[in-house]
Amino acid sequence: MTDWQQALDRHVGVGVRTTRALIQLIQPEDWDKRPIPGKRSVYEVAVHLAVLLEADLRIATGATAEEMAQFYTVSVPSGQLIERLDQSWRYYQDRLTTGFSTETTYWGVSDSSTGWLLEAAVHLYHHRSQLFDYLNLLGYDIELDLFE
């Protein structure tokens, strides 16, 4: 791997590891809570985090709106979120190391594979922050280094 690929692998790995740690903190009674009214529930944010690395790269390689709608309908029970996150992470790592061709998205956006890999990393960190904030709003005492 090149230097940038190694750096991306390390930083996204930190994002995945810390997301995993946050998910493991969630108590059963909190999954359906919406710390910010009108926004996603804790469970909905956790599910989005578990699939987004794979989802973003599927979109990057030409998945249609219909294919993505089907992708998002697959249920991820709370007890399987870590496994699904790890599956998504493996999908991302495979594309990072082997490369991939991109296509224009179904909404008309084009980018390089490098751009999409960066976008997915930023997307992960964005929603990890959202989950971190939700848990803080619910009163969790979180002792976790989010960055290295």
C-alpha atoms as a PDB file:
ATOM      1  CA  MET A   1       0.000   0.000   0.000  1.00  0.00           C
ATOM      2  CA  THR A   2       1.062   3.560  -0.597  1.00  0.00           C
ATOM      3  CA  ASP A   3       1.603   5.990   2.277  1.00  0.00           C
ATOM      4  CA  TRP A   4      -1.826   7.601   1.820  1.00  0.00           C
ATOM      5  CA  GLN A   5      -3.527   4.188   1.715  1.00  0.00           C
ATOM      6  CA  GLN A   6      -1.762   3.161   4.919  1.00  0.00           C
ATOM      7  CA  ALA A   7      -2.776   6.429   6.574  1.00  0.00           C
ATOM      8  CA  LEU A   8      -6.383   6.064   5.456  1.00  0.00           C
ATOM      9  CA  ASP A   9      -6.457   2.442   6.608  1.00  0.00           C
ATOM     10  CA  ARG A  10      -5.153   3.470  10.030  1.00  0.00           C
ATOM     11  CA  HIS A  11      -7.497   6.437  10.499  1.00  0.00           C
ATOM     12  CA  VAL A  12     -10.601   4.655   9.267  1.00  0.00           C
ATOM     13  CA  GLY A  13      -9.565   1.736  11.473  1.00  0.00           C
ATOM     14  CA  VAL A  14      -9.570   4.103  14.462  1.00  0.00           C
ATOM     15  CA  GLY A  15     -13.030   5.295  13.432  1.00  0.00           C
ATOM     16  CA  VAL A  16     -14.293   1.720  13.219  1.00  0.00           C
ATOM     17  CA  ARG A  17     -12.686   0.674  16.521  1.00  0.00           C
ATOM     18  CA  THR A  18     -14.124   3.658  18.397  1.00  0.00           C
ATOM     19  CA  THR A  19     -17.540   3.251  16.744  1.00  0.00           C
ATOM     20  CA  ARG A  20     -17.511  -0.371  17.889  1.00  0.00           C
ATOM     21  CA  ALA A  21     -16.712   0.775  21.443  1.00  0.00           C
ATOM     22  CA  LEU A  22     -19.568   3.301  21.414  1.00  0.00           C
ATOM     23  CA  ILE A  23     -22.068   0.731  20.131  1.00  0.00           C
ATOM     24  CA  GLN A  24     -21.019  -1.680  22.880  1.00  0.00           C
ATOM     25  CA  LEU A  25     -21.879   0.953  25.515  1.00  0.00           C
ATOM     26  CA  ILE A  26     -25.522   1.309  24.455  1.00  0.00           C
ATOM     27  CA  GLN A  27     -27.997  -0.009  26.993  1.00  0.00           C
ATOM     28  CA  PRO A  28     -31.095  -1.878  25.702  1.00  0.00           C
ATOM     29  CA  GLU A  29     -33.494   0.793  26.970  1.00  0.00           C
ATOM     30  CA  ASP A  30     -31.721   3.483  24.896  1.00  0.00           C
ATOM     31  CA  TRP A  31     -31.914   2.014  21.376  1.00  0.00           C
ATOM     32  CA  ASP A  32     -35.224   3.704  20.531  1.00  0.00           C
ATOM     33  CA  LYS A  33     -34.469   7.060  22.153  1.00  0.00           C
ATOM     34  CA  ARG A  34     -34.201  10.231  20.075  1.00  0.00           C
ATOM     35  CA  PRO A  35     -31.983  12.598  22.058  1.00  0.00           C
ATOM     36  CA  ILE A  36     -32.735  15.291  19.464  1.00  0.00           C
ATOM     37  CA  PRO A  37     -36.456  15.379  18.614  1.00  0.00           C
ATOM     38  CA  GLY A  38     -37.191  14.835  14.949  1.00  0.00           C
ATOM     39  CA  LYS A  39     -33.779  13.264  14.257  1.00  0.00           C
ATOM     40  CA  ARG A  40     -32.675   9.626  14.026  1.00  0.00           C
ATOM     41  CA  SER A  41     -32.912   7.330  17.018  1.00  0.00           C
ATOM     42  CA  VAL A  42     -29.799   5.897  18.659  1.00  0.00           C
ATOM     43  CA  TYR A  43     -30.518   2.610  16.873  1.00  0.00           C
ATOM     44  CA  GLU A  44     -30.947   4.306  13.479  1.00  0.00           C
ATOM     45  CA  VAL A  45     -27.612   6.123  13.816  1.00  0.00           C
ATOM     46  CA  ALA A  46     -25.881   2.900  14.892  1.00  0.00           C
ATOM     47  CA  VAL A  47     -27.289   0.990  11.916  1.00  0.00           C
ATOM     48  CA  HIS A  48     -26.224   3.760   9.544  1.00  0.00           C
ATOM     49  CA  LEU A  49     -22.704   3.620  11.009  1.00  0.00           C
ATOM     50  CA  ALA A  50     -22.619  -0.152  10.632  1.00  0.00           C
ATOM     51  CA  VAL A  51     -23.299  -0.074   6.882  1.00  0.00           C
ATOM     52  CA  LEU A  52     -22.061   3.270   5.582  1.00  0.00           C
ATOM     53  CA  LEU A  53     -18.514   2.313   4.552  1.00  0.00           C
ATOM     54  CA  GLU A  54     -19.933  -0.355   2.268  1.00  0.00           C
ATOM     55  CA  ALA A  55     -22.916   1.736   1.182  1.00  0.00           C
ATOM     56  CA  ASP A  56     -20.788   4.699   0.111  1.00  0.00           C
ATOM     57  CA  LEU A  57     -18.498   2.540  -2.001  1.00  0.00           C
ATOM     58  CA  ARG A  58     -21.433   0.683  -3.565  1.00  0.00           C
ATOM     59  CA  ILE A  59     -22.794   4.081  -4.612  1.00  0.00           C
ATOM     60  CA  ALA A  60     -19.334   5.052  -5.900  1.00  0.00           C
ATOM     61  CA  THR A  61     -19.236   2.009  -8.164  1.00  0.00           C
ATOM     62  CA  GLY A  62     -22.597   2.659  -9.765  1.00  0.00           C
ATOM     63  CA  ALA A  63     -25.301   1.179  -7.550  1.00  0.00           C
ATOM     64  CA  THR A  64     -28.699   2.518  -8.570  1.00  0.00           C
ATOM     65  CA  ALA A  65     -31.221   4.181  -6.267  1.00  0.00           C
ATOM     66  CA  GLU A  66     -33.269   0.978  -6.379  1.00  0.00           C
ATOM     67  CA  GLU A  67     -30.262  -1.164  -5.477  1.00  0.00           C
ATOM     68  CA  MET A  68     -29.431   1.109  -2.550  1.00  0.00           C
ATOM     69  CA  ALA A  69     -33.030   1.108  -1.349  1.00  0.00           C
ATOM     70  CA  GLN A  70     -32.834  -2.696  -1.333  1.00  0.00           C
ATOM     71  CA  PHE A  71     -29.456  -2.567   0.460  1.00  0.00           C
ATOM     72  CA  TYR A  72     -30.903  -0.369   3.211  1.00  0.00           C
ATOM     73  CA  THR A  73     -33.946  -2.606   3.744  1.00  0.00           C
ATOM     74  CA  VAL A  74     -31.803  -5.442   5.093  1.00  0.00           C
ATOM     75  CA  SER A  75     -32.498  -5.563   8.812  1.00  0.00           C
ATOM     76  CA  VAL A  76     -29.576  -5.298  11.236  1.00  0.00           C
ATOM     77  CA  PRO A  77     -30.653  -6.318  14.754  1.00  0.00           C
ATOM     78  CA  SER A  78     -28.887  -4.447  17.558  1.00  0.00           C
ATOM     79  CA  GLY A  79     -27.058  -7.639  18.564  1.00  0.00           C
ATOM     80  CA  GLN A  80     -25.506  -7.864  15.076  1.00  0.00           C
ATOM     81  CA  LEU A  81     -24.353  -4.266  14.658  1.00  0.00           C
ATOM     82  CA  ILE A  82     -20.701  -4.987  15.496  1.00  0.00           C
ATOM     83  CA  GLU A  83     -20.578  -7.896  13.063  1.00  0.00           C
ATOM     84  CA  ARG A  84     -22.182  -5.735  10.342  1.00  0.00           C
ATOM     85  CA  LEU A  85     -19.761  -2.869  11.044  1.00  0.00           C
ATOM     86  CA  ASP A  86     -16.832  -5.273  10.710  1.00  0.00           C
ATOM     87  CA  GLN A  87     -18.248  -6.632   7.433  1.00  0.00           C
ATOM     88  CA  SER A  88     -18.557  -3.090   6.077  1.00  0.00           C
ATOM     89  CA  TRP A  89     -14.988  -2.341   7.212  1.00  0.00           C
ATOM     90  CA  ARG A  90     -13.663  -5.428   5.379  1.00  0.00           C
ATOM     91  CA  TYR A  91     -15.507  -4.309   2.237  1.00  0.00           C
ATOM     92  CA  TYR A  92     -13.860  -0.883   2.525  1.00  0.00           C
ATOM     93  CA  GLN A  93     -10.385  -2.338   3.158  1.00  0.00           C
ATOM     94  CA  ASP A  94     -10.708  -4.605   0.134  1.00  0.00           C
ATOM     95  CA  ARG A  95     -11.499  -1.634  -2.118  1.00  0.00           C
ATOM     96  CA  LEU A  96      -8.740   0.431  -0.499  1.00  0.00           C
ATOM     97  CA  THR A  97      -6.107  -2.200  -1.244  1.00  0.00           C
ATOM     98  CA  THR A  98      -7.317  -3.490  -4.626  1.00  0.00           C
ATOM     99  CA  GLY A  99      -8.792  -0.320  -6.090  1.00  0.00           C
ATOM    100  CA  PHE A 100     -12.056   0.140  -7.940  1.00  0.00           C
ATOM    101  CA  SER A 101     -13.580   2.008 -10.855  1.00  0.00           C
ATOM    102  CA  THR A 102     -16.118   4.703 -10.123  1.00  0.00           C
ATOM    103  CA  GLU A 103     -19.267   5.704 -11.959  1.00  0.00           C
ATOM    104  CA  THR A 104     -21.466   8.760 -11.764  1.00  0.00           C
ATOM    105  CA  THR A 105     -23.922   8.405  -8.883  1.00  0.00           C
ATOM    106  CA  TYR A 106     -27.640   8.092  -9.480  1.00  0.00           C
ATOM    107  CA  TRP A 107     -27.948  11.765  -8.468  1.00  0.00           C
ATOM    108  CA  GLY A 108     -25.254  12.909 -10.918  1.00  0.00           C
ATOM    109  CA  VAL A 109     -22.048  13.253  -8.833  1.00  0.00           C
ATOM    110  CA  SER A 110     -18.681  11.992 -10.085  1.00  0.00           C
ATOM    111  CA  ASP A 111     -15.463  11.493  -8.124  1.00  0.00           C
ATOM    112  CA  SER A 112     -12.294   9.425  -8.179  1.00  0.00           C
ATOM    113  CA  SER A 113     -11.834   6.286  -6.105  1.00  0.00           C
ATOM    114  CA  THR A 114      -9.544   8.300  -3.803  1.00  0.00           C
ATOM    115  CA  GLY A 115     -12.255  10.923  -3.379  1.00  0.00           C
ATOM    116  CA  TRP A 116     -14.827   8.269  -2.511  1.00  0.00           C
ATOM    117  CA  LEU A 117     -12.523   6.571  -0.008  1.00  0.00           C
ATOM    118  CA  LEU A 118     -12.007   9.944   1.700  1.00  0.00           C
ATOM    119  CA  GLU A 119     -15.732  10.722   1.593  1.00  0.00           C
ATOM    120  CA  ALA A 120     -16.556   7.416   3.285  1.00  0.00           C
ATOM    121  CA  ALA A 121     -13.974   8.130   6.007  1.00  0.00           C
ATOM    122  CA  VAL A 122     -15.417  11.597   6.653  1.00  0.00           C
ATOM    123  CA  HIS A 123     -18.936  10.151   6.632  1.00  0.00           C
ATOM    124  CA  LEU A 124     -17.924   7.586   9.278  1.00  0.00           C
ATOM    125  CA  TYR A 125     -16.378  10.229  11.540  1.00  0.00           C
ATOM    126  CA  HIS A 126     -19.415  12.508  11.128  1.00  0.00           C
ATOM    127  CA  HIS A 127     -21.894   9.871  12.296  1.00  0.00           C
ATOM    128  CA  ARG A 128     -19.554   8.557  14.977  1.00  0.00           C
ATOM    129  CA  SER A 129     -19.629  12.091  16.399  1.00  0.00           C
ATOM    130  CA  GLN A 130     -23.402  12.060  16.176  1.00  0.00           C
ATOM    131  CA  LEU A 131     -23.584   8.808  18.156  1.00  0.00           C
ATOM    132  CA  PHE A 132     -21.038  10.129  20.677  1.00  0.00           C
ATOM    133  CA  ASP A 133     -23.154  13.273  21.164  1.00  0.00           C
ATOM    134  CA  TYR A 134     -26.370  11.251  21.492  1.00  0.00           C
ATOM    135  CA  LEU A 135     -24.841   9.082  24.207  1.00  0.00           C
ATOM    136  CA  ASN A 136     -23.557  12.146  26.048  1.00  0.00           C
ATOM    137  CA  LEU A 137     -27.010  13.728  25.865  1.00  0.00           C
ATOM    138  CA  LEU A 138     -28.419  10.536  27.383  1.00  0.00           C
ATOM    139  CA  GLY A 139     -26.014  10.855  30.312  1.00  0.00           C
ATOM    140  CA  TYR A 140     -23.400   8.263  29.388  1.00  0.00           C
ATOM    141  CA  ASP A 141     -19.989   8.785  30.973  1.00  0.00           C
ATOM    142  CA  ILE A 142     -17.748   8.011  27.998  1.00  0.00           C
ATOM    143  CA  GLU A 143     -14.040   7.556  28.523  1.00  0.00           C
ATOM    144  CA  LEU A 144     -12.801   6.912  25.011  1.00  0.00           C
ATOM    145  CA  ASP A 145     -10.054   8.497  22.929  1.00  0.00           C
ATOM    146  CA  LEU A 146     -11.770   9.210  19.613  1.00  0.00           C
ATOM    147  CA  PHE A 147      -8.522  10.087  17.825  1.00  0.00           C
ATOM    148  CA  GLU A 148      -4.934   8.872  17.820  1.00  0.00           C
END
